[in-house]
Amino acid sequence: MEIELEESPRPVLDPDLLTSLRRGASVLRQDSMAKRLARIKALRKAVSDHQTALHEAFQKDLGRNAEAVDLSEVLPLALEINHTLSNAHAWARQERVGGPLPFLGTRSEVVIEPKGVALIIASWNYPLLLTLGPLVSALAAGCAAVIKPSEFAPNVA
């Protein structure tokens, strides 16, 4: 069985948009950890403020009731956000490590720094948790992110 692949006639992501995102990412990487965590707190508040609308969207898209949404999507996301808020400073801290033998007497460090733009492709079965969870990580790291929502959960998107 042979599978033929066709090349898309247009780019998936507009090159001008990608250039703009990369410029924005270079600005975001300069932000303090306090600003990064403030963005994550704002995301947590937005999810909390729109919980009723999320319940309705999940009911329409996936037939899930409010309790199932809270247990499988909202609560795990809240736990992930709280874990990130508690540990982000430690994760971003520079760490001294031993140098290689040929450079005996020198010091080496692991320096944590943002790498650019993250692409987050949403899944249809857990469209909130598996989309916003990686977004929380990207924001904590100081990266910009592009989210591609699932076409199978349009109301949640």
C-alpha atoms as a PDB file:
ATOM      1  CA  MET A   1       0.000   0.000   0.000  1.00  0.00           C
ATOM      2  CA  GLU A   2       1.480   3.287  -1.107  1.00  0.00           C
ATOM      3  CA  ILE A   3       0.501   6.632   0.360  1.00  0.00           C
ATOM      4  CA  GLU A   4       0.853   9.781  -1.686  1.00  0.00           C
ATOM      5  CA  LEU A   5       1.394  13.072   0.069  1.00  0.00           C
ATOM      6  CA  GLU A   6       0.454  16.380  -1.467  1.00  0.00           C
ATOM      7  CA  GLU A   7       2.232  19.588  -0.667  1.00  0.00           C
ATOM      8  CA  SER A   8      -0.012  22.366   0.544  1.00  0.00           C
ATOM      9  CA  PRO A   9      -0.333  25.182  -2.023  1.00  0.00           C
ATOM     10  CA  ARG A  10       0.013  27.793   0.702  1.00  0.00           C
ATOM     11  CA  PRO A  11       2.102  28.001   3.860  1.00  0.00           C
ATOM     12  CA  VAL A  12       0.420  26.728   7.006  1.00  0.00           C
ATOM     13  CA  LEU A  13       1.583  29.800   8.918  1.00  0.00           C
ATOM     14  CA  ASP A  14       1.889  33.170   7.203  1.00  0.00           C
ATOM     15  CA  PRO A  15       5.618  34.063   6.970  1.00  0.00           C
ATOM     16  CA  ASP A  16       4.913  37.694   7.935  1.00  0.00           C
ATOM     17  CA  LEU A  17       3.050  36.521  11.027  1.00  0.00           C
ATOM     18  CA  LEU A  18       5.930  34.220  11.954  1.00  0.00           C
ATOM     19  CA  THR A  19       8.399  37.096  11.596  1.00  0.00           C
ATOM     20  CA  SER A  20       6.200  39.233  13.829  1.00  0.00           C
ATOM     21  CA  LEU A  21       5.970  36.426  16.406  1.00  0.00           C
ATOM     22  CA  ARG A  22       9.733  36.012  16.440  1.00  0.00           C
ATOM     23  CA  ARG A  23      10.158  39.748  17.017  1.00  0.00           C
ATOM     24  CA  GLY A  24       7.635  39.547  19.840  1.00  0.00           C
ATOM     25  CA  ALA A  25       9.433  36.530  21.283  1.00  0.00           C
ATOM     26  CA  SER A  26      12.664  38.507  21.505  1.00  0.00           C
ATOM     27  CA  VAL A  27      10.781  41.118  23.554  1.00  0.00           C
ATOM     28  CA  LEU A  28       9.108  38.487  25.770  1.00  0.00           C
ATOM     29  CA  ARG A  29      12.413  36.830  26.596  1.00  0.00           C
ATOM     30  CA  GLN A  30      13.484  40.061  28.328  1.00  0.00           C
ATOM     31  CA  ASP A  31      10.466  40.045  30.665  1.00  0.00           C
ATOM     32  CA  SER A  32      11.008  39.386  34.340  1.00  0.00           C
ATOM     33  CA  MET A  33       9.704  36.229  35.955  1.00  0.00           C
ATOM     34  CA  ALA A  34       7.142  38.379  37.795  1.00  0.00           C
ATOM     35  CA  LYS A  35       5.643  39.500  34.459  1.00  0.00           C
ATOM     36  CA  ARG A  36       5.583  35.934  33.162  1.00  0.00           C
ATOM     37  CA  LEU A  37       3.808  34.705  36.271  1.00  0.00           C
ATOM     38  CA  ALA A  38       1.334  37.606  36.062  1.00  0.00           C
ATOM     39  CA  ARG A  39       0.367  36.387  32.573  1.00  0.00           C
ATOM     40  CA  ILE A  40      -0.197  32.877  33.927  1.00  0.00           C
ATOM     41  CA  LYS A  41      -2.336  34.243  36.762  1.00  0.00           C
ATOM     42  CA  ALA A  42      -4.375  36.214  34.204  1.00  0.00           C
ATOM     43  CA  LEU A  43      -4.892  32.986  32.237  1.00  0.00           C
ATOM     44  CA  ARG A  44      -6.056  31.208  35.409  1.00  0.00           C
ATOM     45  CA  LYS A  45      -8.512  34.041  36.110  1.00  0.00           C
ATOM     46  CA  ALA A  46      -9.821  33.949  32.522  1.00  0.00           C
ATOM     47  CA  VAL A  47     -10.513  30.202  32.766  1.00  0.00           C
ATOM     48  CA  SER A  48     -12.253  30.726  36.103  1.00  0.00           C
ATOM     49  CA  ASP A  49     -14.304  33.678  34.824  1.00  0.00           C
ATOM     50  CA  HIS A  50     -15.475  31.754  31.744  1.00  0.00           C
ATOM     51  CA  GLN A  51     -16.140  28.405  33.398  1.00  0.00           C
ATOM     52  CA  THR A  52     -19.879  28.433  32.623  1.00  0.00           C
ATOM     53  CA  ALA A  53     -19.211  29.168  28.944  1.00  0.00           C
ATOM     54  CA  LEU A  54     -16.628  26.376  28.913  1.00  0.00           C
ATOM     55  CA  HIS A  55     -19.169  23.944  30.373  1.00  0.00           C
ATOM     56  CA  GLU A  56     -21.626  24.824  27.608  1.00  0.00           C
ATOM     57  CA  ALA A  57     -18.951  24.520  24.900  1.00  0.00           C
ATOM     58  CA  PHE A  58     -17.854  21.095  26.131  1.00  0.00           C
ATOM     59  CA  GLN A  59     -21.476  19.952  26.221  1.00  0.00           C
ATOM     60  CA  LYS A  60     -21.964  21.027  22.586  1.00  0.00           C
ATOM     61  CA  ASP A  61     -18.685  19.645  21.247  1.00  0.00           C
ATOM     62  CA  LEU A  62     -18.064  16.498  23.267  1.00  0.00           C
ATOM     63  CA  GLY A  63     -21.270  15.866  25.203  1.00  0.00           C
ATOM     64  CA  ARG A  64     -19.486  16.224  28.556  1.00  0.00           C
ATOM     65  CA  ASN A  65     -21.345  17.456  31.612  1.00  0.00           C
ATOM     66  CA  ALA A  66     -19.997  20.210  33.867  1.00  0.00           C
ATOM     67  CA  GLU A  67     -18.675  17.824  36.534  1.00  0.00           C
ATOM     68  CA  ALA A  68     -16.709  15.801  33.976  1.00  0.00           C
ATOM     69  CA  VAL A  69     -15.241  18.988  32.502  1.00  0.00           C
ATOM     70  CA  ASP A  70     -14.215  20.248  35.934  1.00  0.00           C
ATOM     71  CA  LEU A  71     -12.606  16.922  36.906  1.00  0.00           C
ATOM     72  CA  SER A  72     -10.857  16.156  33.620  1.00  0.00           C
ATOM     73  CA  GLU A  73      -9.946  19.613  32.301  1.00  0.00           C
ATOM     74  CA  VAL A  74     -10.329  22.547  34.698  1.00  0.00           C
ATOM     75  CA  LEU A  75      -8.978  20.993  37.919  1.00  0.00           C
ATOM     76  CA  PRO A  76      -5.863  19.437  36.322  1.00  0.00           C
ATOM     77  CA  LEU A  77      -5.176  22.736  34.541  1.00  0.00           C
ATOM     78  CA  ALA A  78      -5.522  24.651  37.829  1.00  0.00           C
ATOM     79  CA  LEU A  79      -3.129  22.194  39.501  1.00  0.00           C
ATOM     80  CA  GLU A  80      -0.625  22.604  36.668  1.00  0.00           C
ATOM     81  CA  ILE A  81      -0.864  26.392  36.894  1.00  0.00           C
ATOM     82  CA  ASN A  82      -0.372  26.327  40.678  1.00  0.00           C
ATOM     83  CA  HIS A  83       2.596  23.957  40.317  1.00  0.00           C
ATOM     84  CA  THR A  84       4.165  26.265  37.726  1.00  0.00           C
ATOM     85  CA  LEU A  85       3.577  29.366  39.854  1.00  0.00           C
ATOM     86  CA  SER A  86       5.229  27.638  42.824  1.00  0.00           C
ATOM     87  CA  ASN A  87       8.265  26.326  40.947  1.00  0.00           C
ATOM     88  CA  ALA A  88       8.995  28.709  38.065  1.00  0.00           C
ATOM     89  CA  HIS A  89      11.651  30.674  39.952  1.00  0.00           C
ATOM     90  CA  ALA A  90      13.550  27.495  40.817  1.00  0.00           C
ATOM     91  CA  TRP A  91      13.283  26.179  37.252  1.00  0.00           C
ATOM     92  CA  ALA A  92      14.731  29.407  35.838  1.00  0.00           C
ATOM     93  CA  ARG A  93      17.671  29.544  38.238  1.00  0.00           C
ATOM     94  CA  GLN A  94      21.164  29.161  36.807  1.00  0.00           C
ATOM     95  CA  GLU A  95      22.954  26.032  37.959  1.00  0.00           C
ATOM     96  CA  ARG A  96      26.660  25.423  38.390  1.00  0.00           C
ATOM     97  CA  VAL A  97      27.873  22.135  36.975  1.00  0.00           C
ATOM     98  CA  GLY A  98      31.220  20.414  36.861  1.00  0.00           C
ATOM     99  CA  GLY A  99      33.351  21.164  33.833  1.00  0.00           C
ATOM    100  CA  PRO A 100      34.869  18.568  31.536  1.00  0.00           C
ATOM    101  CA  LEU A 101      38.250  17.057  32.446  1.00  0.00           C
ATOM    102  CA  PRO A 102      40.241  18.948  29.772  1.00  0.00           C
ATOM    103  CA  PHE A 103      39.056  22.221  31.327  1.00  0.00           C
ATOM    104  CA  LEU A 104      39.931  21.300  34.909  1.00  0.00           C
ATOM    105  CA  GLY A 105      39.779  24.345  37.160  1.00  0.00           C
ATOM    106  CA  THR A 106      37.139  26.168  35.142  1.00  0.00           C
ATOM    107  CA  ARG A 107      33.518  26.768  36.066  1.00  0.00           C
ATOM    108  CA  SER A 108      30.523  25.813  33.967  1.00  0.00           C
ATOM    109  CA  GLU A 109      26.903  26.872  34.301  1.00  0.00           C
ATOM    110  CA  VAL A 110      23.602  25.788  32.847  1.00  0.00           C
ATOM    111  CA  VAL A 111      21.792  28.968  31.814  1.00  0.00           C
ATOM    112  CA  ILE A 112      18.049  28.685  31.231  1.00  0.00           C
ATOM    113  CA  GLU A 113      16.787  30.951  28.457  1.00  0.00           C
ATOM    114  CA  PRO A 114      13.716  31.203  26.213  1.00  0.00           C
ATOM    115  CA  LYS A 115      14.145  29.700  22.766  1.00  0.00           C
ATOM    116  CA  GLY A 116      11.509  31.495  20.693  1.00  0.00           C
ATOM    117  CA  VAL A 117       8.036  30.595  19.466  1.00  0.00           C
ATOM    118  CA  ALA A 118       6.176  27.446  20.557  1.00  0.00           C
ATOM    119  CA  LEU A 119       3.538  25.829  18.344  1.00  0.00           C
ATOM    120  CA  ILE A 120       0.740  24.202  20.349  1.00  0.00           C
ATOM    121  CA  ILE A 121      -1.564  21.919  18.371  1.00  0.00           C
ATOM    122  CA  ALA A 122      -4.745  21.253  20.336  1.00  0.00           C
ATOM    123  CA  SER A 123      -6.178  17.774  20.660  1.00  0.00           C
ATOM    124  CA  TRP A 124      -9.884  17.147  20.238  1.00  0.00           C
ATOM    125  CA  ASN A 125     -10.363  14.919  23.288  1.00  0.00           C
ATOM    126  CA  TYR A 126      -8.884  17.216  25.970  1.00  0.00           C
ATOM    127  CA  PRO A 127      -8.947  20.557  24.154  1.00  0.00           C
ATOM    128  CA  LEU A 128      -8.521  22.770  27.224  1.00  0.00           C
ATOM    129  CA  LEU A 129      -5.958  20.911  29.335  1.00  0.00           C
ATOM    130  CA  LEU A 130      -3.723  19.771  26.466  1.00  0.00           C
ATOM    131  CA  THR A 131      -3.745  23.257  24.938  1.00  0.00           C
ATOM    132  CA  LEU A 132      -3.472  25.589  27.907  1.00  0.00           C
ATOM    133  CA  GLY A 133      -1.113  23.292  29.861  1.00  0.00           C
ATOM    134  CA  PRO A 134       1.666  23.698  27.271  1.00  0.00           C
ATOM    135  CA  LEU A 135       0.788  27.402  27.009  1.00  0.00           C
ATOM    136  CA  VAL A 136       1.437  27.775  30.745  1.00  0.00           C
ATOM    137  CA  SER A 137       4.867  26.177  30.259  1.00  0.00           C
ATOM    138  CA  ALA A 138       5.662  28.416  27.285  1.00  0.00           C
ATOM    139  CA  LEU A 139       4.630  31.543  29.200  1.00  0.00           C
ATOM    140  CA  ALA A 140       6.687  30.535  32.240  1.00  0.00           C
ATOM    141  CA  ALA A 141       9.697  29.988  29.986  1.00  0.00           C
ATOM    142  CA  GLY A 142       9.262  33.420  28.404  1.00  0.00           C
ATOM    143  CA  CYS A 143       8.347  32.084  24.966  1.00  0.00           C
ATOM    144  CA  ALA A 144       5.707  33.292  22.545  1.00  0.00           C
ATOM    145  CA  ALA A 145       3.158  30.689  21.454  1.00  0.00           C
ATOM    146  CA  VAL A 146       0.863  29.971  18.534  1.00  0.00           C
ATOM    147  CA  ILE A 147      -2.187  27.829  19.304  1.00  0.00           C
ATOM    148  CA  LYS A 148      -3.837  25.795  16.564  1.00  0.00           C
ATOM    149  CA  PRO A 149      -7.244  24.823  17.991  1.00  0.00           C
ATOM    150  CA  SER A 150      -8.889  21.529  17.126  1.00  0.00           C
ATOM    151  CA  GLU A 151     -11.446  21.656  14.347  1.00  0.00           C
ATOM    152  CA  PHE A 152     -13.288  18.839  16.153  1.00  0.00           C
ATOM    153  CA  ALA A 153     -14.018  21.019  19.205  1.00  0.00           C
ATOM    154  CA  PRO A 154     -14.924  24.376  17.624  1.00  0.00           C
ATOM    155  CA  ASN A 155     -16.970  25.706  20.547  1.00  0.00           C
ATOM    156  CA  VAL A 156     -14.211  25.034  23.070  1.00  0.00           C
ATOM    157  CA  ALA A 157     -11.682  26.603  20.707  1.00  0.00           C
END
